[in-house]
PDB file of all heavy atoms in Angstrom:
ATOM      1  N   SER A   1     -14.022 -24.736  19.187  1.00  0.00           N
ATOM      2  CA  SER A   1     -12.763 -24.471  18.483  1.00  0.00           C
ATOM      3  C   SER A   1     -11.959 -23.323  19.148  1.00  0.00           C
ATOM      4  O   SER A   1     -12.412 -22.354  19.581  1.00  0.00           O
ATOM      5  CB  SER A   1     -13.158 -24.018  17.157  1.00  0.00           C
ATOM      6  OG  SER A   1     -11.992 -23.379  16.505  1.00  0.00           O
ATOM      7  N   THR A   2     -10.677 -23.710  19.499  1.00  0.00           N
ATOM      8  CA  THR A   2      -9.663 -22.816  20.193  1.00  0.00           C
ATOM      9  C   THR A   2      -8.658 -22.642  19.366  1.00  0.00           C
ATOM     10  O   THR A   2      -8.025 -23.580  18.776  1.00  0.00           O
ATOM     11  CB  THR A   2      -9.378 -23.355  21.539  1.00  0.00           C
ATOM     12  OG1 THR A   2     -10.489 -23.607  22.334  1.00  0.00           O
ATOM     13  CG2 THR A   2      -8.402 -22.400  22.189  1.00  0.00           C
ATOM     14  N   GLN A   3      -8.198 -21.340  19.165  1.00  0.00           N
ATOM     15  CA  GLN A   3      -7.058 -21.023  18.460  1.00  0.00           C
ATOM     16  C   GLN A   3      -5.986 -20.640  19.384  1.00  0.00           C
ATOM     17  O   GLN A   3      -6.197 -20.088  20.481  1.00  0.00           O
ATOM     18  CB  GLN A   3      -7.298 -19.826  17.561  1.00  0.00           C
ATOM     19  CG  GLN A   3      -8.377 -20.094  16.487  1.00  0.00           C
ATOM     20  CD  GLN A   3      -9.050 -18.935  15.960  1.00  0.00           C
ATOM     21  OE1 GLN A   3      -9.482 -18.078  16.725  1.00  0.00           O
ATOM     22  NE2 GLN A   3      -9.244 -18.881  14.732  1.00  0.00           N
ATOM     23  N   GLU A   4      -4.685 -20.955  19.169  1.00  0.00           N
ATOM     24  CA  GLU A   4      -3.673 -20.680  20.089  1.00  0.00           C
ATOM     25  C   GLU A   4      -2.305 -20.273  19.323  1.00  0.00           C
ATOM     26  O   GLU A   4      -2.046 -20.782  18.326  1.00  0.00           O
ATOM     27  CB  GLU A   4      -3.388 -21.896  20.956  1.00  0.00           C
ATOM     28  CG  GLU A   4      -2.425 -21.600  22.031  1.00  0.00           C
ATOM     29  CD  GLU A   4      -2.272 -22.691  23.110  1.00  0.00           C
ATOM     30  OE1 GLU A   4      -3.245 -23.522  23.261  1.00  0.00           O
ATOM     31  OE2 GLU A   4      -1.200 -22.814  23.674  1.00  0.00           O
ATOM     32  N   PHE A   5      -1.686 -19.324  19.914  1.00  0.00           N
ATOM     33  CA  PHE A   5      -0.380 -19.012  19.464  1.00  0.00           C
ATOM     34  C   PHE A   5       0.564 -18.780  20.705  1.00  0.00           C
ATOM     35  O   PHE A   5       0.115 -18.156  21.708  1.00  0.00           O
ATOM     36  CB  PHE A   5      -0.527 -17.586  18.788  1.00  0.00           C
ATOM     37  CG  PHE A   5       0.871 -16.938  18.587  1.00  0.00           C
ATOM     38  CD1 PHE A   5       1.744 -17.381  17.635  1.00  0.00           C
ATOM     39  CD2 PHE A   5       1.266 -15.922  19.238  1.00  0.00           C
ATOM     40  CE1 PHE A   5       2.988 -16.781  17.386  1.00  0.00           C
ATOM     41  CE2 PHE A   5       2.473 -15.197  19.100  1.00  0.00           C
ATOM     42  CZ  PHE A   5       3.382 -15.692  18.178  1.00  0.00           C
ATOM     43  N   ALA A   6       1.643 -19.260  20.628  1.00  0.00           N
ATOM     44  CA  ALA A   6       2.693 -19.314  21.884  1.00  0.00           C
ATOM     45  C   ALA A   6       4.045 -19.209  21.347  1.00  0.00           C
ATOM     46  O   ALA A   6       4.396 -19.833  20.357  1.00  0.00           O
ATOM     47  CB  ALA A   6       2.425 -20.413  22.794  1.00  0.00           C
ATOM     48  N   MET A   7       4.868 -18.323  21.948  1.00  0.00           N
ATOM     49  CA  MET A   7       6.195 -18.117  21.507  1.00  0.00           C
ATOM     50  C   MET A   7       7.115 -17.483  22.559  1.00  0.00           C
ATOM     51  O   MET A   7       6.611 -16.736  23.569  1.00  0.00           O
ATOM     52  CB  MET A   7       6.239 -17.070  20.248  1.00  0.00           C
ATOM     53  CG  MET A   7       7.476 -17.089  19.589  1.00  0.00           C
ATOM     54  SD  MET A   7       7.226 -16.089  17.981  1.00  0.00           S
ATOM     55  CE  MET A   7       8.924 -16.083  17.504  1.00  0.00           C
ATOM     56  N   ARG A   8       8.277 -17.726  22.661  1.00  0.00           N
ATOM     57  CA  ARG A   8       9.271 -17.064  23.458  1.00  0.00           C
ATOM     58  C   ARG A   8       9.886 -15.951  22.774  1.00  0.00           C
ATOM     59  O   ARG A   8      10.098 -16.038  21.604  1.00  0.00           O
ATOM     60  CB  ARG A   8      10.399 -18.057  23.899  1.00  0.00           C
ATOM     61  CG  ARG A   8       9.886 -19.218  24.873  1.00  0.00           C
ATOM     62  CD  ARG A   8      11.064 -19.928  25.471  1.00  0.00           C
ATOM     63  NE  ARG A   8      10.506 -20.964  26.313  1.00  0.00           N
ATOM     64  CZ  ARG A   8      10.022 -20.752  27.394  1.00  0.00           C
ATOM     65  NH1 ARG A   8       9.959 -19.690  27.989  1.00  0.00           N
ATOM     66  NH2 ARG A   8       9.476 -21.834  28.101  1.00  0.00           N
ATOM     67  N   PHE A   9      10.225 -14.904  23.559  1.00  0.00           N
ATOM     68  CA  PHE A   9      10.852 -13.646  22.956  1.00  0.00           C
ATOM     69  C   PHE A   9      11.960 -13.268  23.818  1.00  0.00           C
ATOM     70  O   PHE A   9      12.008 -13.455  25.047  1.00  0.00           O
ATOM     71  CB  PHE A   9       9.818 -12.549  22.983  1.00  0.00           C
ATOM     72  CG  PHE A   9       8.561 -12.803  22.015  1.00  0.00           C
ATOM     73  CD1 PHE A   9       7.456 -13.390  22.553  1.00  0.00           C
ATOM     74  CD2 PHE A   9       8.637 -12.379  20.697  1.00  0.00           C
ATOM     75  CE1 PHE A   9       6.463 -13.676  21.673  1.00  0.00           C
ATOM     76  CE2 PHE A   9       7.740 -12.633  19.891  1.00  0.00           C
ATOM     77  CZ  PHE A   9       6.429 -13.364  20.272  1.00  0.00           C
ATOM     78  N   THR A  10      12.929 -12.645  23.186  1.00  0.00           N
ATOM     79  CA  THR A  10      14.065 -12.116  23.976  1.00  0.00           C
ATOM     80  C   THR A  10      13.638 -11.017  24.921  1.00  0.00           C
ATOM     81  O   THR A  10      12.649 -10.193  24.529  1.00  0.00           O
ATOM     82  CB  THR A  10      15.188 -11.504  23.047  1.00  0.00           C
ATOM     83  OG1 THR A  10      14.709 -10.550  22.278  1.00  0.00           O
ATOM     84  CG2 THR A  10      15.733 -12.635  22.167  1.00  0.00           C
ATOM     85  N   SER A  11      14.220 -10.891  26.086  1.00  0.00           N
ATOM     86  CA  SER A  11      13.732  -9.932  27.097  1.00  0.00           C
ATOM     87  C   SER A  11      14.469  -8.589  26.713  1.00  0.00           C
ATOM     88  O   SER A  11      15.265  -8.192  27.478  1.00  0.00           O
ATOM     89  CB  SER A  11      14.141 -10.343  28.491  1.00  0.00           C
ATOM     90  OG  SER A  11      13.294 -11.479  28.855  1.00  0.00           O
ATOM     91  N   THR A  12      14.091  -7.995  25.547  1.00  0.00           N
ATOM     92  CA  THR A  12      14.719  -6.802  25.063  1.00  0.00           C
ATOM     93  C   THR A  12      13.486  -6.002  24.554  1.00  0.00           C
ATOM     94  O   THR A  12      12.421  -6.465  24.200  1.00  0.00           O
ATOM     95  CB  THR A  12      15.684  -7.047  23.967  1.00  0.00           C
ATOM     96  OG1 THR A  12      14.938  -7.608  22.840  1.00  0.00           O
ATOM     97  CG2 THR A  12      16.857  -7.843  24.361  1.00  0.00           C
ATOM     98  N   PRO A  13      13.671  -4.596  24.381  1.00  0.00           N
ATOM     99  CA  PRO A  13      12.724  -3.822  23.670  1.00  0.00           C
ATOM    100  C   PRO A  13      12.256  -4.344  22.384  1.00  0.00           C
ATOM    101  O   PRO A  13      11.046  -4.438  22.073  1.00  0.00           O
ATOM    102  CB  PRO A  13      13.210  -2.455  23.667  1.00  0.00           C
ATOM    103  CG  PRO A  13      14.185  -2.390  24.845  1.00  0.00           C
ATOM    104  CD  PRO A  13      14.755  -3.798  24.940  1.00  0.00           C
ATOM    105  N   ARG A  14      13.258  -4.774  21.559  1.00  0.00           N
ATOM    106  CA  ARG A  14      12.883  -5.503  20.250  1.00  0.00           C
ATOM    107  C   ARG A  14      11.965  -6.651  20.429  1.00  0.00           C
ATOM    108  O   ARG A  14      11.103  -6.874  19.627  1.00  0.00           O
ATOM    109  CB  ARG A  14      14.153  -5.749  19.629  1.00  0.00           C
ATOM    110  CG  ARG A  14      14.008  -6.254  18.189  1.00  0.00           C
ATOM    111  CD  ARG A  14      15.331  -6.399  17.559  1.00  0.00           C
ATOM    112  NE  ARG A  14      15.127  -6.834  15.994  1.00  0.00           N
ATOM    113  CZ  ARG A  14      16.166  -7.060  15.292  1.00  0.00           C
ATOM    114  NH1 ARG A  14      17.365  -7.079  15.697  1.00  0.00           N
ATOM    115  NH2 ARG A  14      15.789  -7.429  14.007  1.00  0.00           N
ATOM    116  N   GLY A  15      12.270  -7.581  21.455  1.00  0.00           N
ATOM    117  CA  GLY A  15      11.429  -8.618  21.618  1.00  0.00           C
ATOM    118  C   GLY A  15       9.955  -8.292  22.011  1.00  0.00           C
ATOM    119  O   GLY A  15       9.062  -8.882  21.548  1.00  0.00           O
ATOM    120  N   ALA A  16       9.814  -7.298  22.875  1.00  0.00           N
ATOM    121  CA  ALA A  16       8.497  -6.708  23.167  1.00  0.00           C
ATOM    122  C   ALA A  16       7.865  -6.224  22.047  1.00  0.00           C
ATOM    123  O   ALA A  16       6.582  -6.489  21.894  1.00  0.00           O
ATOM    124  CB  ALA A  16       8.633  -5.725  24.327  1.00  0.00           C
ATOM    125  N   ARG A  17       8.378  -5.445  21.139  1.00  0.00           N
ATOM    126  CA  ARG A  17       7.891  -4.969  19.960  1.00  0.00           C
ATOM    127  C   ARG A  17       7.392  -6.074  19.058  1.00  0.00           C
ATOM    128  O   ARG A  17       6.194  -5.997  18.537  1.00  0.00           O
ATOM    129  CB  ARG A  17       8.909  -4.088  19.078  1.00  0.00           C
ATOM    130  CG  ARG A  17       8.803  -2.596  19.686  1.00  0.00           C
ATOM    131  CD  ARG A  17       9.508  -1.727  18.675  1.00  0.00           C
ATOM    132  NE  ARG A  17      10.881  -2.194  18.284  1.00  0.00           N
ATOM    133  CZ  ARG A  17      11.993  -1.944  18.916  1.00  0.00           C
ATOM    134  NH1 ARG A  17      12.000  -1.278  20.048  1.00  0.00           N
ATOM    135  NH2 ARG A  17      13.154  -2.429  18.459  1.00  0.00           N
ATOM    136  N   LEU A  18       8.276  -7.083  18.848  1.00  0.00           N
ATOM    137  CA  LEU A  18       7.864  -8.186  18.085  1.00  0.00           C
ATOM    138  C   LEU A  18       6.673  -8.874  18.492  1.00  0.00           C
ATOM    139  O   LEU A  18       5.700  -9.392  17.887  1.00  0.00           O
ATOM    140  CB  LEU A  18       9.053  -9.127  17.887  1.00  0.00           C
ATOM    141  CG  LEU A  18       8.729 -10.417  16.929  1.00  0.00           C
ATOM    142  CD1 LEU A  18       8.360  -9.963  15.569  1.00  0.00           C
ATOM    143  CD2 LEU A  18      10.040 -11.252  16.961  1.00  0.00           C
ATOM    144  N   ALA A  19       6.531  -9.195  19.965  1.00  0.00           N
ATOM    145  CA  ALA A  19       5.507  -9.806  20.623  1.00  0.00           C
ATOM    146  C   ALA A  19       4.226  -9.035  20.257  1.00  0.00           C
ATOM    147  O   ALA A  19       3.227  -9.717  19.879  1.00  0.00           O
ATOM    148  CB  ALA A  19       5.724  -9.864  22.001  1.00  0.00           C
ATOM    149  N   ARG A  20       4.253  -7.803  20.463  1.00  0.00           N
ATOM    150  CA  ARG A  20       2.949  -6.920  20.174  1.00  0.00           C
ATOM    151  C   ARG A  20       2.589  -7.025  18.722  1.00  0.00           C
ATOM    152  O   ARG A  20       1.328  -7.325  18.445  1.00  0.00           O
ATOM    153  CB  ARG A  20       3.328  -5.495  20.505  1.00  0.00           C
ATOM    154  CG  ARG A  20       2.072  -4.563  20.193  1.00  0.00           C
ATOM    155  CD  ARG A  20       2.484  -3.112  20.497  1.00  0.00           C
ATOM    156  NE  ARG A  20       3.715  -2.686  19.808  1.00  0.00           N
ATOM    157  CZ  ARG A  20       3.897  -2.265  18.497  1.00  0.00           C
ATOM    158  NH1 ARG A  20       2.796  -2.372  17.720  1.00  0.00           N
ATOM    159  NH2 ARG A  20       5.004  -1.897  18.057  1.00  0.00           N
ATOM    160  N   ARG A  21       3.539  -6.987  17.809  1.00  0.00           N
ATOM    161  CA  ARG A  21       3.142  -7.078  16.461  1.00  0.00           C
ATOM    162  C   ARG A  21       2.465  -8.489  16.054  1.00  0.00           C
ATOM    163  O   ARG A  21       1.556  -8.552  15.239  1.00  0.00           O
ATOM    164  CB  ARG A  21       4.370  -6.798  15.565  1.00  0.00           C
ATOM    165  CG  ARG A  21       4.742  -5.343  15.570  1.00  0.00           C
ATOM    166  CD  ARG A  21       5.902  -5.108  14.628  1.00  0.00           C
ATOM    167  NE  ARG A  21       5.985  -3.774  14.303  1.00  0.00           N
ATOM    168  CZ  ARG A  21       6.872  -3.236  13.471  1.00  0.00           C
ATOM    169  NH1 ARG A  21       7.852  -3.884  13.092  1.00  0.00           N
ATOM    170  NH2 ARG A  21       6.872  -1.856  13.347  1.00  0.00           N
ATOM    171  N   LEU A  22       3.058  -9.609  16.569  1.00  0.00           N
ATOM    172  CA  LEU A  22       2.583 -10.833  16.263  1.00  0.00           C
ATOM    173  C   LEU A  22       1.270 -11.043  16.836  1.00  0.00           C
ATOM    174  O   LEU A  22       0.431 -11.825  16.363  1.00  0.00           O
ATOM    175  CB  LEU A  22       3.648 -11.906  16.682  1.00  0.00           C
ATOM    176  CG  LEU A  22       4.959 -11.961  15.862  1.00  0.00           C
ATOM    177  CD1 LEU A  22       5.898 -12.943  16.380  1.00  0.00           C
ATOM    178  CD2 LEU A  22       4.618 -12.227  14.358  1.00  0.00           C
ATOM    179  N   VAL A  23       1.088 -10.507  18.090  1.00  0.00           N
ATOM    180  CA  VAL A  23      -0.330 -10.664  18.663  1.00  0.00           C
ATOM    181  C   VAL A  23      -1.322  -9.941  17.819  1.00  0.00           C
ATOM    182  O   VAL A  23      -2.420 -10.607  17.383  1.00  0.00           O
ATOM    183  CB  VAL A  23      -0.337 -10.020  20.091  1.00  0.00           C
ATOM    184  CG1 VAL A  23      -1.765  -9.800  20.489  1.00  0.00           C
ATOM    185  CG2 VAL A  23       0.340 -10.808  21.079  1.00  0.00           C
ATOM    186  N   SER A  24      -1.090  -8.797  17.265  1.00  0.00           N
ATOM    187  CA  SER A  24      -2.023  -8.090  16.369  1.00  0.00           C
ATOM    188  C   SER A  24      -2.266  -8.925  15.112  1.00  0.00           C
ATOM    189  O   SER A  24      -3.417  -8.998  14.608  1.00  0.00           O
ATOM    190  CB  SER A  24      -1.481  -6.650  16.144  1.00  0.00           C
ATOM    191  OG  SER A  24      -2.393  -5.982  15.408  1.00  0.00           O
ATOM    192  N   LEU A  25      -1.206  -9.314  14.512  1.00  0.00           N
ATOM    193  CA  LEU A  25      -1.277 -10.130  13.221  1.00  0.00           C
ATOM    194  C   LEU A  25      -2.065 -11.390  13.446  1.00  0.00           C
ATOM    195  O   LEU A  25      -2.957 -11.675  12.673  1.00  0.00           O
ATOM    196  CB  LEU A  25       0.147 -10.505  12.814  1.00  0.00           C
ATOM    197  CG  LEU A  25       0.302 -11.488  11.567  1.00  0.00           C
ATOM    198  CD1 LEU A  25      -0.340 -10.781  10.321  1.00  0.00           C
ATOM    199  CD2 LEU A  25       1.694 -11.819  11.333  1.00  0.00           C
ATOM    200  N   ARG A  26      -1.869 -12.066  14.468  1.00  0.00           N
ATOM    201  CA  ARG A  26      -2.513 -13.430  14.770  1.00  0.00           C
ATOM    202  C   ARG A  26      -3.980 -13.073  15.001  1.00  0.00           C
ATOM    203  O   ARG A  26      -4.831 -13.862  14.429  1.00  0.00           O
ATOM    204  CB  ARG A  26      -1.943 -14.110  15.949  1.00  0.00           C
ATOM    205  CG  ARG A  26      -2.421 -15.446  16.207  1.00  0.00           C
ATOM    206  CD  ARG A  26      -1.908 -16.343  15.137  1.00  0.00           C
ATOM    207  NE  ARG A  26      -0.385 -16.318  15.066  1.00  0.00           N
ATOM    208  CZ  ARG A  26       0.133 -17.139  14.190  1.00  0.00           C
ATOM    209  NH1 ARG A  26      -0.309 -17.885  13.365  1.00  0.00           N
ATOM    210  NH2 ARG A  26       1.564 -17.106  14.109  1.00  0.00           N
ATOM    211  N   LEU A  27      -4.314 -12.018  15.740  1.00  0.00           N
ATOM    212  CA  LEU A  27      -5.701 -11.797  16.030  1.00  0.00           C
ATOM    213  C   LEU A  27      -6.400 -11.401  14.614  1.00  0.00           C
ATOM    214  O   LEU A  27      -7.547 -11.864  14.420  1.00  0.00           O
ATOM    215  CB  LEU A  27      -5.934 -10.615  16.931  1.00  0.00           C
ATOM    216  CG  LEU A  27      -5.532 -10.939  18.413  1.00  0.00           C
ATOM    217  CD1 LEU A  27      -5.451  -9.698  19.237  1.00  0.00           C
ATOM    218  CD2 LEU A  27      -6.604 -11.813  18.935  1.00  0.00           C
ATOM    219  N   ASP A  28      -5.721 -10.644  13.757  1.00  0.00           N
ATOM    220  CA  ASP A  28      -6.336 -10.298  12.485  1.00  0.00           C
ATOM    221  C   ASP A  28      -6.587 -11.587  11.671  1.00  0.00           C
ATOM    222  O   ASP A  28      -7.595 -11.744  11.111  1.00  0.00           O
ATOM    223  CB  ASP A  28      -5.311  -9.465  11.650  1.00  0.00           C
ATOM    224  CG  ASP A  28      -5.930  -9.025  10.360  1.00  0.00           C
ATOM    225  OD1 ASP A  28      -7.087  -8.361  10.363  1.00  0.00           O
ATOM    226  OD2 ASP A  28      -5.361  -9.293   9.367  1.00  0.00           O
ATOM    227  N   GLU A  29      -5.598 -12.531  11.630  1.00  0.00           N
ATOM    228  CA  GLU A  29      -5.760 -13.843  11.018  1.00  0.00           C
ATOM    229  C   GLU A  29      -6.919 -14.555  11.560  1.00  0.00           C
ATOM    230  O   GLU A  29      -7.510 -15.406  10.832  1.00  0.00           O
ATOM    231  CB  GLU A  29      -4.553 -14.635  11.189  1.00  0.00           C
ATOM    232  CG  GLU A  29      -3.343 -14.061  10.343  1.00  0.00           C
ATOM    233  CD  GLU A  29      -2.105 -14.748  10.561  1.00  0.00           C
ATOM    234  OE1 GLU A  29      -2.049 -15.704  11.361  1.00  0.00           O
ATOM    235  OE2 GLU A  29      -1.066 -14.581   9.830  1.00  0.00           O
ATOM    236  N   TRP A  30      -7.162 -14.440  12.850  1.00  0.00           N
ATOM    237  CA  TRP A  30      -8.371 -15.204  13.457  1.00  0.00           C
ATOM    238  C   TRP A  30      -9.598 -14.476  13.340  1.00  0.00           C
ATOM    239  O   TRP A  30     -10.690 -14.896  13.820  1.00  0.00           O
ATOM    240  CB  TRP A  30      -8.108 -15.287  14.963  1.00  0.00           C
ATOM    241  CG  TRP A  30      -6.894 -16.164  15.315  1.00  0.00           C
ATOM    242  CD1 TRP A  30      -6.252 -16.948  14.541  1.00  0.00           C
ATOM    243  CD2 TRP A  30      -6.407 -16.278  16.722  1.00  0.00           C
ATOM    244  NE1 TRP A  30      -5.261 -17.659  15.302  1.00  0.00           N
ATOM    245  CE2 TRP A  30      -5.352 -17.288  16.443  1.00  0.00           C
ATOM    246  CE3 TRP A  30      -6.642 -15.752  17.920  1.00  0.00           C
ATOM    247  CZ2 TRP A  30      -4.479 -17.714  17.722  1.00  0.00           C
ATOM    248  CZ3 TRP A  30      -5.846 -16.140  19.029  1.00  0.00           C
ATOM    249  CH2 TRP A  30      -4.882 -17.127  18.833  1.00  0.00           C
ATOM    250  N   GLY A  31      -9.737 -13.315  12.561  1.00  0.00           N
ATOM    251  CA  GLY A  31     -10.992 -12.686  12.287  1.00  0.00           C
ATOM    252  C   GLY A  31     -11.295 -11.502  13.145  1.00  0.00           C
ATOM    253  O   GLY A  31     -12.349 -10.897  13.068  1.00  0.00           O
ATOM    254  N   HIS A  32     -10.259 -10.928  13.899  1.00  0.00           N
ATOM    255  CA  HIS A  32     -10.480  -9.801  14.704  1.00  0.00           C
ATOM    256  C   HIS A  32      -9.671  -8.711  14.002  1.00  0.00           C
ATOM    257  O   HIS A  32      -8.359  -8.731  14.251  1.00  0.00           O
ATOM    258  CB  HIS A  32      -9.976 -10.073  16.111  1.00  0.00           C
ATOM    259  CG  HIS A  32     -10.604 -11.199  16.774  1.00  0.00           C
ATOM    260  ND1 HIS A  32     -11.845 -11.141  17.140  1.00  0.00           N
ATOM    261  CD2 HIS A  32     -10.148 -12.427  17.159  1.00  0.00           C
ATOM    262  CE1 HIS A  32     -12.277 -12.320  17.655  1.00  0.00           C
ATOM    263  NE2 HIS A  32     -11.181 -13.107  17.543  1.00  0.00           N
ATOM    264  N   PRO A  33     -10.206  -7.944  13.080  1.00  0.00           N
ATOM    265  CA  PRO A  33      -9.424  -6.906  12.372  1.00  0.00           C
ATOM    266  C   PRO A  33      -8.550  -5.961  13.141  1.00  0.00           C
ATOM    267  O   PRO A  33      -8.903  -5.700  14.306  1.00  0.00           O
ATOM    268  CB  PRO A  33     -10.560  -6.201  11.580  1.00  0.00           C
ATOM    269  CG  PRO A  33     -11.813  -6.591  12.094  1.00  0.00           C
ATOM    270  CD  PRO A  33     -11.622  -7.742  12.955  1.00  0.00           C
ATOM    271  N   TYR A  34      -7.536  -5.489  12.556  1.00  0.00           N
ATOM    272  CA  TYR A  34      -6.607  -4.527  13.207  1.00  0.00           C
ATOM    273  C   TYR A  34      -7.291  -3.367  13.833  1.00  0.00           C
ATOM    274  O   TYR A  34      -6.898  -3.000  14.979  1.00  0.00           O
ATOM    275  CB  TYR A  34      -5.622  -4.037  12.203  1.00  0.00           C
ATOM    276  CG  TYR A  34      -4.577  -5.019  11.635  1.00  0.00           C
ATOM    277  CD1 TYR A  34      -4.551  -5.516  10.318  1.00  0.00           C
ATOM    278  CD2 TYR A  34      -3.674  -5.591  12.499  1.00  0.00           C
ATOM    279  CE1 TYR A  34      -3.724  -6.437   9.949  1.00  0.00           C
ATOM    280  CE2 TYR A  34      -2.708  -6.611  12.103  1.00  0.00           C
ATOM    281  CZ  TYR A  34      -2.844  -6.866  10.770  1.00  0.00           C
ATOM    282  OH  TYR A  34      -1.961  -7.942  10.353  1.00  0.00           O
ATOM    283  N   ASP A  35      -8.305  -2.959  13.268  1.00  0.00           N
ATOM    284  CA  ASP A  35      -9.064  -1.718  13.809  1.00  0.00           C
ATOM    285  C   ASP A  35     -10.295  -2.147  14.542  1.00  0.00           C
ATOM    286  O   ASP A  35     -10.990  -1.170  14.965  1.00  0.00           O
ATOM    287  CB  ASP A  35      -9.463  -0.715  12.680  1.00  0.00           C
ATOM    288  CG  ASP A  35     -10.401  -1.302  11.626  1.00  0.00           C
ATOM    289  OD1 ASP A  35     -10.502  -2.565  11.625  1.00  0.00           O
ATOM    290  OD2 ASP A  35     -10.915  -0.520  10.876  1.00  0.00           O
ATOM    291  N   GLY A  36     -10.377  -3.391  14.937  1.00  0.00           N
ATOM    292  CA  GLY A  36     -11.567  -3.848  15.623  1.00  0.00           C
ATOM    293  C   GLY A  36     -11.207  -3.723  17.221  1.00  0.00           C
ATOM    294  O   GLY A  36     -10.132  -3.538  17.604  1.00  0.00           O
ATOM    295  N   ARG A  37     -12.373  -3.649  17.999  1.00  0.00           N
ATOM    296  CA  ARG A  37     -12.269  -3.562  19.417  1.00  0.00           C
ATOM    297  C   ARG A  37     -11.319  -4.608  20.131  1.00  0.00           C
ATOM    298  O   ARG A  37     -10.359  -4.224  20.842  1.00  0.00           O
ATOM    299  CB  ARG A  37     -13.630  -3.640  19.998  1.00  0.00           C
ATOM    300  CG  ARG A  37     -13.634  -3.460  21.557  1.00  0.00           C
ATOM    301  CD  ARG A  37     -15.010  -3.817  22.171  1.00  0.00           C
ATOM    302  NE  ARG A  37     -15.355  -5.099  21.968  1.00  0.00           N
ATOM    303  CZ  ARG A  37     -15.032  -6.196  22.768  1.00  0.00           C
ATOM    304  NH1 ARG A  37     -14.183  -5.893  23.756  1.00  0.00           N
ATOM    305  NH2 ARG A  37     -15.524  -7.454  22.571  1.00  0.00           N
ATOM    306  N   VAL A  38     -11.546  -5.757  19.784  1.00  0.00           N
ATOM    307  CA  VAL A  38     -10.715  -6.878  20.470  1.00  0.00           C
ATOM    308  C   VAL A  38      -9.246  -6.836  20.047  1.00  0.00           C
ATOM    309  O   VAL A  38      -8.465  -6.813  20.939  1.00  0.00           O
ATOM    310  CB  VAL A  38     -11.342  -8.302  20.052  1.00  0.00           C
ATOM    311  CG1 VAL A  38     -10.351  -9.499  20.569  1.00  0.00           C
ATOM    312  CG2 VAL A  38     -12.655  -8.477  20.620  1.00  0.00           C
ATOM    313  N   ASN A  39      -8.927  -6.550  18.726  1.00  0.00           N
ATOM    314  CA  ASN A  39      -7.582  -6.554  18.392  1.00  0.00           C
ATOM    315  C   ASN A  39      -6.859  -5.289  19.014  1.00  0.00           C
ATOM    316  O   ASN A  39      -5.708  -5.439  19.605  1.00  0.00           O
ATOM    317  CB  ASN A  39      -7.310  -6.370  16.804  1.00  0.00           C
ATOM    318  CG  ASN A  39      -6.046  -6.665  16.316  1.00  0.00           C
ATOM    319  OD1 ASN A  39      -5.055  -6.046  16.833  1.00  0.00           O
ATOM    320  ND2 ASN A  39      -5.941  -7.452  15.239  1.00  0.00           N
ATOM    321  N   GLU A  40      -7.485  -4.208  19.022  1.00  0.00           N
ATOM    322  CA  GLU A  40      -6.916  -3.011  19.671  1.00  0.00           C
ATOM    323  C   GLU A  40      -6.679  -3.155  21.180  1.00  0.00           C
ATOM    324  O   GLU A  40      -5.581  -2.910  21.602  1.00  0.00           O
ATOM    325  CB  GLU A  40      -7.721  -1.728  19.391  1.00  0.00           C
ATOM    326  CG  GLU A  40      -7.640  -1.241  17.879  1.00  0.00           C
ATOM    327  CD  GLU A  40      -8.532  -0.021  17.654  1.00  0.00           C
ATOM    328  OE1 GLU A  40      -9.210   0.390  18.556  1.00  0.00           O
ATOM    329  OE2 GLU A  40      -8.192   0.584  16.555  1.00  0.00           O
ATOM    330  N   ALA A  41      -7.640  -3.740  21.819  1.00  0.00           N
ATOM    331  CA  ALA A  41      -7.530  -3.961  23.295  1.00  0.00           C
ATOM    332  C   ALA A  41      -6.478  -5.025  23.627  1.00  0.00           C
ATOM    333  O   ALA A  41      -5.570  -4.658  24.445  1.00  0.00           O
ATOM    334  CB  ALA A  41      -8.991  -4.390  23.886  1.00  0.00           C
ATOM    335  N   VAL A  42      -6.581  -6.128  22.918  1.00  0.00           N
ATOM    336  CA  VAL A  42      -5.560  -7.153  23.318  1.00  0.00           C
ATOM    337  C   VAL A  42      -4.079  -6.826  22.920  1.00  0.00           C
ATOM    338  O   VAL A  42      -3.159  -7.063  23.559  1.00  0.00           O
ATOM    339  CB  VAL A  42      -5.939  -8.444  22.674  1.00  0.00           C
ATOM    340  CG1 VAL A  42      -4.847  -9.548  22.962  1.00  0.00           C
ATOM    341  CG2 VAL A  42      -7.221  -9.032  23.371  1.00  0.00           C
ATOM    342  N   THR A  43      -3.990  -6.099  21.668  1.00  0.00           N
ATOM    343  CA  THR A  43      -2.637  -5.573  21.350  1.00  0.00           C
ATOM    344  C   THR A  43      -2.075  -4.653  22.332  1.00  0.00           C
ATOM    345  O   THR A  43      -0.854  -4.664  22.681  1.00  0.00           O
ATOM    346  CB  THR A  43      -2.749  -4.941  19.970  1.00  0.00           C
ATOM    347  OG1 THR A  43      -3.161  -5.937  19.021  1.00  0.00           O
ATOM    348  CG2 THR A  43      -1.406  -4.424  19.493  1.00  0.00           C
TER     349      THR A  43
END
């Protein structure tokens, strides 16, 4: 089973912040909690 998330972001600081937040949120939804090693590293 593979989970995937893909999205385009504006090339702005706001776009970069949104990308980081959505990565963290998606990892949490996939079972890697916000304070877990994988979520923190990938974020």
